Structure formats: structure tokens, C-alpha cells
């Protein structure tokens, strides 16, 4: 079970924030703006990770990752992290912003 912890945590983050889609303008309902917000930053951090792994600056404990690695020896969990966590942040931001706007109108 330990090998799946990283993926389980990412899945839990998505599950917990998914209902926030109902409050805001819709992160999932706006895929292109969402992708434009997340993917460039994710790409920068993925390149950074690849260089850090290659330079032996840091590693990932094999006990907590499933073992599937992409080119550059980056674990798939790390790639998903750079997409899932910003997505959860956008969901939260949009929901809070929508609620603040509703309270302002009241």
C-alpha cells in the first residue's frame, strides 16, 4: 500500500476539491484557460525536477512511488503533482471568489 501513497493523496486532493466546481465559474468547464494556467508552470517545474534528479540533488523514495518513471527518471506521481495541486488551487480560488462575489451582491 505504501507504493500508492503519493497517488492516493493526489486522488484525495482531487476528490475533496471537486465539489468546489459547483460554486465558481467552472475550472473543469473551461479546459483551455485551465490548461493555459497550469501547463506552462508545470513544464518549468518538471524541467527543474529532471535537472535536480540528474544532478543527484534529490531523489524519490521508491517505497512511496509506484515505480513508473518518465524520461529523465521523473516519477509519474511528480508529473501528476504539478497538474493536480494547481488544479485544486484553481478550484479553491474560483469557489472562494464566487462566494465573495455573492456576498457582495447580498
Protein backbone atom coordinates (compact mmCIF):
# COMPACT_ATOMS: atom_id res chain seq x y z
CA UNK A 1 0.00 0.00 0.00
CA UNK A 2 2.89 2.40 0.68
CA UNK A 3 3.80 2.42 -3.04
CA UNK A 4 0.45 4.06 -3.78
CA UNK A 5 0.52 6.75 -1.08
CA UNK A 6 1.54 9.60 -3.38
CA UNK A 7 -1.19 8.73 -5.90
CA UNK A 8 -3.77 8.25 -3.13
CA UNK A 9 -3.01 11.68 -1.69
CA UNK A 10 -3.33 13.28 -5.14
CA UNK A 11 -6.62 11.47 -5.69
CA UNK A 12 -7.88 12.63 -2.30
CA UNK A 13 -6.97 16.21 -3.15
CA UNK A 14 -9.00 15.96 -6.35
CA UNK A 15 -11.93 14.30 -4.60
CA UNK A 16 -12.03 16.88 -1.83
CA UNK A 17 -11.89 19.89 -4.17
CA UNK A 18 -14.10 18.52 -6.98
CA UNK A 19 -17.35 19.77 -5.39
CA UNK A 20 -15.93 23.31 -5.47
CA UNK A 21 -16.61 23.26 -9.21
CA UNK A 22 -20.27 23.90 -8.33
CA UNK A 23 -19.51 27.26 -6.68
CA UNK A 24 -17.41 29.05 -9.25
CA UNK A 25 -17.26 29.81 -12.95
CA UNK A 26 -16.02 26.31 -13.56
CA UNK A 27 -12.45 25.15 -13.78
CA UNK A 28 -13.34 21.83 -15.37
CA UNK A 29 -15.85 23.54 -17.64
CA UNK A 30 -13.10 25.81 -19.01
CA UNK A 31 -10.40 23.35 -20.09
CA UNK A 32 -8.34 25.68 -22.30
CA UNK A 33 -7.92 28.53 -19.80
CA UNK A 34 -7.22 25.93 -17.12
CA UNK A 35 -4.56 24.25 -19.26
CA UNK A 36 -3.00 27.62 -20.13
CA UNK A 37 -2.77 28.42 -16.43
CA UNK A 38 -1.33 25.09 -15.30
CA UNK A 39 0.78 23.58 -18.07
CA UNK A 40 3.46 26.27 -18.60
CA UNK A 41 4.27 26.38 -14.89
CA UNK A 42 4.17 22.58 -14.65
CA UNK A 43 6.60 22.35 -17.57
CA UNK A 44 9.09 24.66 -15.85
CA UNK A 45 8.98 22.66 -12.63
CA UNK A 46 9.23 19.35 -14.48
CA UNK A 47 12.38 20.52 -16.24
CA UNK A 48 13.70 21.70 -12.89
CA UNK A 49 12.96 18.26 -11.41
CA UNK A 50 14.70 16.46 -14.28
CA UNK A 51 17.86 18.53 -13.74
CA UNK A 52 17.72 18.05 -9.97
CA UNK A 53 17.32 14.29 -10.36
CA UNK A 54 20.13 14.11 -12.94
CA UNK A 55 22.38 16.17 -10.68
CA UNK A 56 21.58 13.94 -7.69
CA UNK A 57 20.25 16.96 -5.82
CA UNK A 58 17.20 14.97 -4.77
CA UNK A 59 15.57 11.62 -5.23
CA UNK A 60 12.22 9.98 -4.55
CA UNK A 61 11.87 7.23 -2.00
CA UNK A 62 10.96 4.12 -4.03
CA UNK A 63 8.86 2.90 -1.11
CA UNK A 64 6.29 5.66 -1.78
CA UNK A 65 6.09 5.73 -5.58
CA UNK A 66 4.74 3.07 -7.91
CA UNK A 67 7.97 2.78 -9.91
CA UNK A 68 6.72 4.08 -13.27
CA UNK A 69 9.13 6.76 -14.42
CA UNK A 70 9.12 9.03 -17.43
CA UNK A 71 12.18 10.10 -19.40
CA UNK A 72 14.53 11.98 -17.12
CA UNK A 73 13.80 9.48 -14.33
CA UNK A 74 10.90 11.58 -13.08
CA UNK A 75 8.20 9.56 -11.31
CA UNK A 76 4.70 9.77 -12.80
CA UNK A 77 3.45 10.90 -9.40
CA UNK A 78 5.60 14.02 -9.61
CA UNK A 79 4.19 14.89 -13.03
CA UNK A 80 0.68 14.48 -11.69
CA UNK A 81 1.55 16.59 -8.65
CA UNK A 82 2.36 19.56 -10.88
CA UNK A 83 -1.07 19.27 -12.51
CA UNK A 84 -3.29 18.15 -9.62
CA UNK A 85 -2.18 20.62 -6.93
CA UNK A 86 -2.52 23.74 -9.13
CA UNK A 87 -5.88 22.41 -10.34
CA UNK A 88 -7.04 22.08 -6.74
CA UNK A 89 -5.75 25.60 -6.08
CA UNK A 90 -7.72 26.97 -9.04
CA UNK A 91 -10.86 25.20 -7.88
CA UNK A 92 -10.45 26.67 -4.41
CA UNK A 93 -9.69 30.17 -5.70
CA UNK A 94 -12.68 30.17 -8.06
CA UNK A 95 -15.04 28.90 -5.38
CA UNK A 96 -13.90 31.48 -2.81
CA UNK A 97 -14.05 34.25 -5.40
CA UNK A 98 -17.59 33.23 -6.42
CA UNK A 99 -18.74 33.16 -2.79
CA UNK A 100 -17.22 36.59 -2.06
CA UNK A 101 -18.98 37.99 -5.12
CA UNK A 102 -22.30 36.51 -3.98
CA UNK A 103 -21.91 38.03 -0.52
CA UNK A 104 -21.07 41.42 -2.04
CA UNK A 105 -24.34 41.34 -4.03
CA UNK A 106 -26.39 40.46 -0.94
